[in-house]
Amino acid sequence: MQIDPALFRPDAISAETQAFLKRFREEVAELPPTHTVPPELTRQARDEGKGVFPVAGPDDGSQWHDFDGGRLRISPGAGAGVYLHIHGGGWTLGRPSHYDRINQRIAERTGLTVASEEYRLAPEHPWPACFEDCVAAAEHLLADRPFGEGPFLIGGESAGGHLSALLALHLRGRGVAGVVLNYGCFDLDLTPSAANWGDEPLVLSTPTIRWFVDNLALDAAGRRAASPLHADLQDLPPALFQVGTMDPLIDDTLMMAARWAGAGNATELHVLPGGIHVFDAFELEIAREFHDRQAAFLSRLARSS
């Protein structure tokens, strides 16, 4: 694992990404910050296809799978195994069906059945409700094998990256083939980049990140216990980390990847110049690179497990 300083320089950002950043800043300047809007209103807007993110579901081709303790959104694969996807949204927003298009593409490219967990959301359901739901989904997929035998992988983005890291720790030694940890929040007390970012709303800002964490209703000891950056990371599966240089959570990824590798685990780190939080949702070359690397990582581990 290497970190190339050249990736963080302004001249590393492509003209396409520069133009996107300009447009995005202009668009969000007219919108209220996420942390000032009641969660139920933001959820409704996203369900209606409104907001800054392109619509990616619900789509035909994915369906619900109910089990004792929860339900999963299934994008069927070709029998190569199962990828448990945990969506982002600050533990407060988002639904698995919002990712149908992306997860169907993963299933098509890797042969893995993608099972996206519908976990309970904060603040209505404080910690550890969301994590308990992810554990229940993983235990169901591993014990009952509703989609056949084969490798089992885990991954997600943002809050989903955080939950995926904790789930990998919980399942240590249980044969998880790999973990995808995209631009996660790995320290609930905030890493320097998150704490020092300020008010600029490139999807996230420091006040928005703090609001998301506050919605979990954890005390200081609870935040530390739920921060995988501070955990014992030995004997964990290979992990893929991806993050953009314009993401307030960039230190989370850089530090977590370094600790993952430092614990002796196989680690891939990719830094995308100019990428904001959730840049992979947009039609950009750096987003295509992101999705190509993710599919290649999952495919390789599915084949070798």
Protein backbone atom coordinates (compact mmCIF):
# COMPACT_ATOMS: atom_id res chain seq x y z
CA MET A 1 0.00 0.00 0.00
CA GLN A 2 1.41 3.38 -1.03
CA ILE A 3 0.17 6.98 -0.75
CA ASP A 4 1.30 9.17 -3.63
CA PRO A 5 1.57 12.85 -2.57
CA ALA A 6 0.97 13.93 -6.16
CA LEU A 7 -2.65 12.77 -5.92
CA PHE A 8 -3.41 15.51 -3.37
CA ARG A 9 -2.15 18.44 -5.43
CA PRO A 10 -4.65 20.74 -7.17
CA ASP A 11 -3.16 19.98 -10.59
CA ALA A 12 -4.04 16.29 -10.11
CA ILE A 13 -7.75 17.09 -10.44
CA SER A 14 -8.95 16.57 -14.00
CA ALA A 15 -10.74 19.27 -15.96
CA GLU A 16 -13.92 17.16 -15.88
CA THR A 17 -13.81 16.88 -12.09
CA GLN A 18 -12.99 20.58 -11.70
CA ALA A 19 -16.06 21.46 -13.73
CA PHE A 20 -18.18 19.08 -11.66
CA LEU A 21 -16.93 20.65 -8.42
CA LYS A 22 -17.87 24.10 -9.67
CA ARG A 23 -21.39 22.99 -10.63
CA PHE A 24 -21.90 21.07 -7.41
CA ARG A 25 -20.85 23.99 -5.22
CA GLU A 26 -23.28 26.25 -7.05
CA GLU A 27 -26.11 23.74 -6.63
CA VAL A 28 -25.67 23.06 -2.92
CA ALA A 29 -25.25 26.76 -2.14
CA GLU A 30 -29.02 27.07 -2.67
CA LEU A 31 -29.91 24.16 -0.38
CA PRO A 32 -30.24 24.00 3.42
CA PRO A 33 -27.50 21.95 5.14
CA THR A 34 -28.54 18.36 5.83
CA HIS A 35 -28.23 18.76 9.58
CA THR A 36 -30.80 21.58 9.60
CA VAL A 37 -33.56 19.51 7.96
CA PRO A 38 -35.69 16.94 9.86
CA PRO A 39 -34.55 13.46 8.77
CA GLU A 40 -38.03 12.39 7.71
CA LEU A 41 -38.17 15.24 5.18
CA THR A 42 -34.80 14.33 3.67
CA ARG A 43 -35.83 10.68 3.51
CA GLN A 44 -39.04 11.60 1.73
CA ALA A 45 -37.19 13.79 -0.76
CA ARG A 46 -34.76 11.00 -1.59
CA ASP A 47 -37.61 8.52 -1.98
CA GLU A 48 -39.15 10.95 -4.48
CA GLY A 49 -35.90 11.22 -6.43
CA LYS A 50 -35.14 14.76 -5.30
CA GLY A 51 -31.87 16.13 -3.99
CA VAL A 52 -28.30 16.28 -5.24
CA PHE A 53 -27.76 12.58 -5.96
CA PRO A 54 -28.78 10.91 -9.23
CA VAL A 55 -31.65 8.44 -8.91
CA ALA A 56 -30.36 4.84 -8.75
CA GLY A 57 -33.47 2.93 -7.65
CA PRO A 58 -35.78 1.31 -6.94
CA ASP A 59 -35.40 -0.65 -10.16
CA ASP A 60 -36.91 -3.80 -11.59
CA GLY A 61 -34.55 -6.72 -11.14
CA SER A 62 -34.09 -6.31 -7.38
CA GLN A 63 -36.55 -7.65 -4.84
CA TRP A 64 -37.03 -7.96 -1.10
CA HIS A 65 -36.06 -11.01 0.92
CA ASP A 66 -37.59 -11.27 4.39
CA PHE A 67 -35.95 -13.25 7.18
CA ASP A 68 -36.47 -13.64 10.90
CA GLY A 69 -35.14 -10.33 12.21
CA GLY A 70 -35.10 -8.16 9.12
CA ARG A 71 -35.10 -7.94 5.35
CA LEU A 72 -32.62 -7.60 2.53
CA ARG A 73 -32.83 -6.07 -0.93
CA ILE A 74 -31.56 -8.70 -3.36
CA SER A 75 -29.86 -8.09 -6.70
CA PRO A 76 -29.33 -11.65 -8.00
CA GLY A 77 -25.96 -12.79 -9.28
CA ALA A 78 -24.73 -15.87 -11.13
CA GLY A 79 -23.90 -18.04 -8.13
CA ALA A 80 -20.39 -16.76 -7.40
CA GLY A 81 -21.22 -16.05 -3.74
CA VAL A 82 -22.83 -13.28 -1.72
CA TYR A 83 -21.84 -9.67 -1.15
CA LEU A 84 -23.57 -8.12 1.87
CA HIS A 85 -23.92 -4.43 1.07
CA ILE A 86 -24.48 -1.90 3.86
CA HIS A 87 -25.68 1.47 2.59
CA GLY A 88 -24.54 4.92 3.66
CA GLY A 89 -26.49 7.92 4.90
CA GLY A 90 -24.98 8.84 8.25
CA TRP A 91 -26.86 6.02 10.03
CA THR A 92 -29.87 8.34 9.57
CA LEU A 93 -30.74 8.37 5.86
CA GLY A 94 -30.84 6.02 2.89
CA ARG A 95 -32.53 2.78 1.86
CA PRO A 96 -31.23 -0.34 0.11
CA SER A 97 -33.56 0.27 -2.85
CA HIS A 98 -31.76 3.56 -3.57
CA TYR A 99 -28.79 1.40 -4.64
CA ASP A 100 -30.57 -1.05 -6.96
CA ARG A 101 -28.90 0.17 -10.14
CA ILE A 102 -25.42 0.13 -8.59
CA ASN A 103 -25.91 -3.25 -6.91
CA GLN A 104 -27.35 -4.83 -10.04
CA ARG A 105 -24.25 -3.69 -11.89
CA ILE A 106 -22.02 -5.25 -9.21
CA ALA A 107 -23.98 -8.51 -9.48
CA GLU A 108 -23.67 -8.51 -13.26
CA ARG A 109 -19.94 -7.78 -13.25
CA THR A 110 -18.91 -10.11 -10.42
CA GLY A 111 -21.49 -12.93 -10.42
CA LEU A 112 -22.11 -12.24 -6.72
CA THR A 113 -25.63 -11.92 -5.38
CA VAL A 114 -25.78 -8.52 -3.70
CA ALA A 115 -27.86 -8.48 -0.51
CA SER A 116 -28.36 -4.94 0.82
CA GLU A 117 -29.42 -4.69 4.45
CA GLU A 118 -32.36 -2.52 5.51
CA TYR A 119 -31.14 -1.54 8.96
CA ARG A 120 -33.01 0.64 11.44
CA LEU A 121 -32.14 4.32 11.24
CA ALA A 122 -31.20 6.89 13.88
CA PRO A 123 -32.28 8.99 15.69
CA GLU A 124 -35.51 7.02 16.07
CA HIS A 125 -33.40 3.91 16.65
CA PRO A 126 -30.16 4.85 18.45
CA TRP A 127 -27.01 2.75 18.60
CA PRO A 128 -26.62 -0.21 18.45
CA ALA A 129 -29.84 -0.86 16.48
CA CYS A 130 -28.25 -0.40 13.03
CA PHE A 131 -25.30 -2.64 13.88
CA GLU A 132 -27.49 -5.31 15.44
CA ASP A 133 -29.49 -5.46 12.20
CA CYS A 134 -26.31 -5.87 10.15
CA VAL A 135 -25.17 -8.70 12.43
CA ALA A 136 -28.56 -10.40 12.06
CA ALA A 137 -28.36 -10.17 8.27
CA ALA A 138 -24.83 -11.58 8.19
CA GLU A 139 -25.73 -14.44 10.51
CA HIS A 140 -28.74 -15.28 8.31
CA LEU A 141 -26.68 -15.29 5.14
CA LEU A 142 -23.90 -17.37 6.67
CA ALA A 143 -26.07 -19.89 8.53
CA ASP A 144 -29.05 -20.33 6.24
CA ARG A 145 -27.31 -19.79 2.89
CA PRO A 146 -30.55 -18.66 1.15
CA PHE A 147 -28.62 -17.81 -2.03
CA GLY A 148 -26.38 -20.86 -2.15
CA GLU A 149 -22.88 -21.68 -1.05
CA GLY A 150 -19.82 -19.71 -2.00
CA PRO A 151 -17.67 -16.86 -0.73
CA PHE A 152 -19.14 -14.25 1.59
CA LEU A 153 -17.99 -10.62 1.30
CA ILE A 154 -19.05 -7.42 3.04
CA GLY A 155 -18.90 -3.78 2.07
CA GLY A 156 -20.42 -0.37 2.03
CA GLU A 157 -19.83 3.34 1.81
CA SER A 158 -19.73 6.16 4.39
CA ALA A 159 -21.77 4.98 7.41
CA GLY A 160 -21.99 1.65 5.59
CA GLY A 161 -18.20 1.50 5.50
CA HIS A 162 -18.14 2.08 9.25
CA LEU A 163 -20.70 -0.68 9.86
CA SER A 164 -18.88 -3.02 7.45
CA ALA A 165 -15.60 -2.59 9.35
CA LEU A 166 -17.32 -3.35 12.65
CA LEU A 167 -19.04 -6.35 11.10
CA ALA A 168 -15.70 -7.69 9.83
CA LEU A 169 -14.40 -7.43 13.40
CA HIS A 170 -17.48 -9.18 14.74
CA LEU A 171 -17.08 -12.02 12.20
CA ARG A 172 -13.31 -12.36 12.57
CA GLY A 173 -12.33 -15.95 11.91
CA ARG A 174 -15.69 -16.79 10.31
CA GLY A 175 -14.40 -16.94 6.73
CA VAL A 176 -15.27 -13.49 5.38
CA ALA A 177 -13.46 -13.39 2.03
CA GLY A 178 -13.04 -9.61 1.78
CA VAL A 179 -14.30 -6.20 2.82
CA VAL A 180 -15.01 -3.05 0.80
CA LEU A 181 -14.62 0.08 2.94
CA ASN A 182 -15.46 3.09 0.79
CA TYR A 183 -14.94 6.54 2.36
CA GLY A 184 -16.12 5.39 5.77
CA CYS A 185 -16.35 7.24 9.07
CA PHE A 186 -14.02 5.16 11.23
CA ASP A 187 -13.59 7.45 14.26
CA LEU A 188 -16.82 8.74 15.83
CA ASP A 189 -14.85 11.40 17.71
CA LEU A 190 -13.77 12.69 14.25
CA THR A 191 -10.38 12.50 12.59
CA PRO A 192 -8.52 15.78 11.87
CA SER A 193 -9.87 16.18 8.34
CA ALA A 194 -13.47 15.75 9.54
CA ALA A 195 -13.05 17.99 12.59
CA ASN A 196 -11.22 20.75 10.71
CA TRP A 197 -13.22 20.74 7.47
CA GLY A 198 -15.62 23.49 8.52
CA ASP A 199 -18.97 24.47 7.08
CA GLU A 200 -18.46 23.94 3.34
CA PRO A 201 -21.19 21.44 2.38
CA LEU A 202 -19.55 19.10 -0.13
CA VAL A 203 -22.24 16.58 0.84
CA LEU A 204 -20.66 16.51 4.29
CA SER A 205 -19.42 19.29 6.55
CA THR A 206 -18.10 19.21 10.10
CA PRO A 207 -21.50 20.21 11.60
CA THR A 208 -23.27 17.58 9.48
CA ILE A 209 -20.86 14.82 10.51
CA ARG A 210 -21.26 15.76 14.19
CA TRP A 211 -25.06 15.75 13.78
CA PHE A 212 -25.00 12.29 12.23
CA VAL A 213 -22.85 10.97 15.09
CA ASP A 214 -25.04 12.68 17.69
CA ASN A 215 -28.06 10.89 16.24
CA LEU A 216 -26.54 7.61 17.47
CA ALA A 217 -26.90 8.87 21.08
CA LEU A 218 -23.56 7.47 22.28
CA ASP A 219 -21.52 8.71 25.23
CA ALA A 220 -17.73 9.12 25.00
CA ALA A 221 -17.01 5.51 25.93
CA GLY A 222 -19.60 4.29 23.45
CA ARG A 223 -18.17 6.37 20.61
CA ARG A 224 -14.70 4.95 21.22
CA ALA A 225 -16.02 1.38 21.39
CA ALA A 226 -17.90 1.89 18.11
CA SER A 227 -14.87 3.42 16.31
CA PRO A 228 -13.07 0.69 14.32
CA LEU A 229 -10.02 2.91 13.86
CA HIS A 230 -9.17 2.18 17.50
CA ALA A 231 -9.84 -1.58 17.40
CA ASP A 232 -7.49 -4.54 17.30
CA LEU A 233 -7.30 -5.16 13.56
CA GLN A 234 -5.28 -8.37 13.44
CA ASP A 235 -6.39 -11.39 11.42
CA LEU A 236 -8.92 -9.59 9.24
CA PRO A 237 -9.73 -10.26 5.57
CA PRO A 238 -8.34 -8.31 2.61
CA ALA A 239 -9.84 -4.83 2.35
CA LEU A 240 -10.33 -2.28 -0.40
CA PHE A 241 -10.35 1.40 0.60
CA GLN A 242 -11.38 4.18 -1.80
CA VAL A 243 -11.82 7.90 -1.11
CA GLY A 244 -11.69 11.25 -2.88
CA THR A 245 -9.32 14.04 -1.92
CA MET A 246 -12.21 16.51 -1.42
CA ASP A 247 -13.98 14.31 1.13
CA PRO A 248 -14.03 15.54 4.76
CA LEU A 249 -13.55 11.89 5.77
CA ILE A 250 -10.30 11.44 3.86
CA ASP A 251 -8.23 11.03 7.03
CA ASP A 252 -10.57 8.25 8.15
CA THR A 253 -9.68 6.25 5.05
CA LEU A 254 -5.96 7.06 5.04
CA MET A 255 -5.58 6.23 8.72
CA MET A 256 -7.80 3.14 8.65
CA ALA A 257 -6.02 1.73 5.59
CA ALA A 258 -2.64 2.28 7.28
CA ARG A 259 -3.81 0.52 10.45
CA TRP A 260 -5.37 -2.33 8.42
CA ALA A 261 -2.08 -2.89 6.60
CA GLY A 262 -0.07 -2.36 9.78
CA ALA A 263 -1.97 -5.21 11.42
CA GLY A 264 -0.71 -7.53 8.67
CA ASN A 265 -3.84 -7.63 6.53
CA ALA A 266 -3.91 -7.38 2.73
CA THR A 267 -4.86 -3.79 1.89
CA GLU A 268 -5.65 -1.85 -1.27
CA LEU A 269 -5.93 1.93 -1.12
CA HIS A 270 -7.05 4.15 -3.99
CA VAL A 271 -7.28 7.94 -3.71
CA LEU A 272 -9.25 9.81 -6.38
CA PRO A 273 -8.17 13.44 -7.00
CA GLY A 274 -11.03 15.90 -6.53
CA GLY A 275 -13.54 13.28 -5.42
CA ILE A 276 -16.16 14.57 -2.99
CA HIS A 277 -18.15 12.40 -0.60
CA VAL A 278 -20.28 9.99 -2.69
CA PHE A 279 -18.59 11.12 -5.92
CA ASP A 280 -19.12 7.59 -7.24
CA ALA A 281 -22.85 8.33 -7.66
CA PHE A 282 -22.13 10.75 -10.52
CA GLU A 283 -21.13 10.27 -14.16
CA LEU A 284 -17.42 11.01 -13.86
CA GLU A 285 -14.27 9.27 -15.00
CA ILE A 286 -13.08 8.96 -11.39
CA ALA A 287 -16.43 7.29 -10.58
CA ARG A 288 -15.92 4.79 -13.39
CA GLU A 289 -12.43 4.06 -12.04
CA PHE A 290 -13.95 3.59 -8.58
CA HIS A 291 -16.55 1.09 -9.80
CA ASP A 292 -14.04 -0.79 -11.97
CA ARG A 293 -11.66 -1.27 -9.05
CA GLN A 294 -14.45 -2.38 -6.74
CA ALA A 295 -15.75 -4.95 -9.24
CA ALA A 296 -12.23 -6.25 -9.88
CA PHE A 297 -11.54 -6.58 -6.14
CA LEU A 298 -14.77 -8.46 -5.46
CA SER A 299 -14.37 -10.70 -8.51
CA ARG A 300 -10.80 -11.62 -7.63
CA LEU A 301 -11.63 -12.57 -4.06
CA ALA A 302 -14.77 -14.44 -5.07
CA ARG A 303 -12.75 -16.54 -7.50
CA SER A 304 -9.89 -17.22 -5.09
CA SER A 305 -11.99 -18.14 -2.06
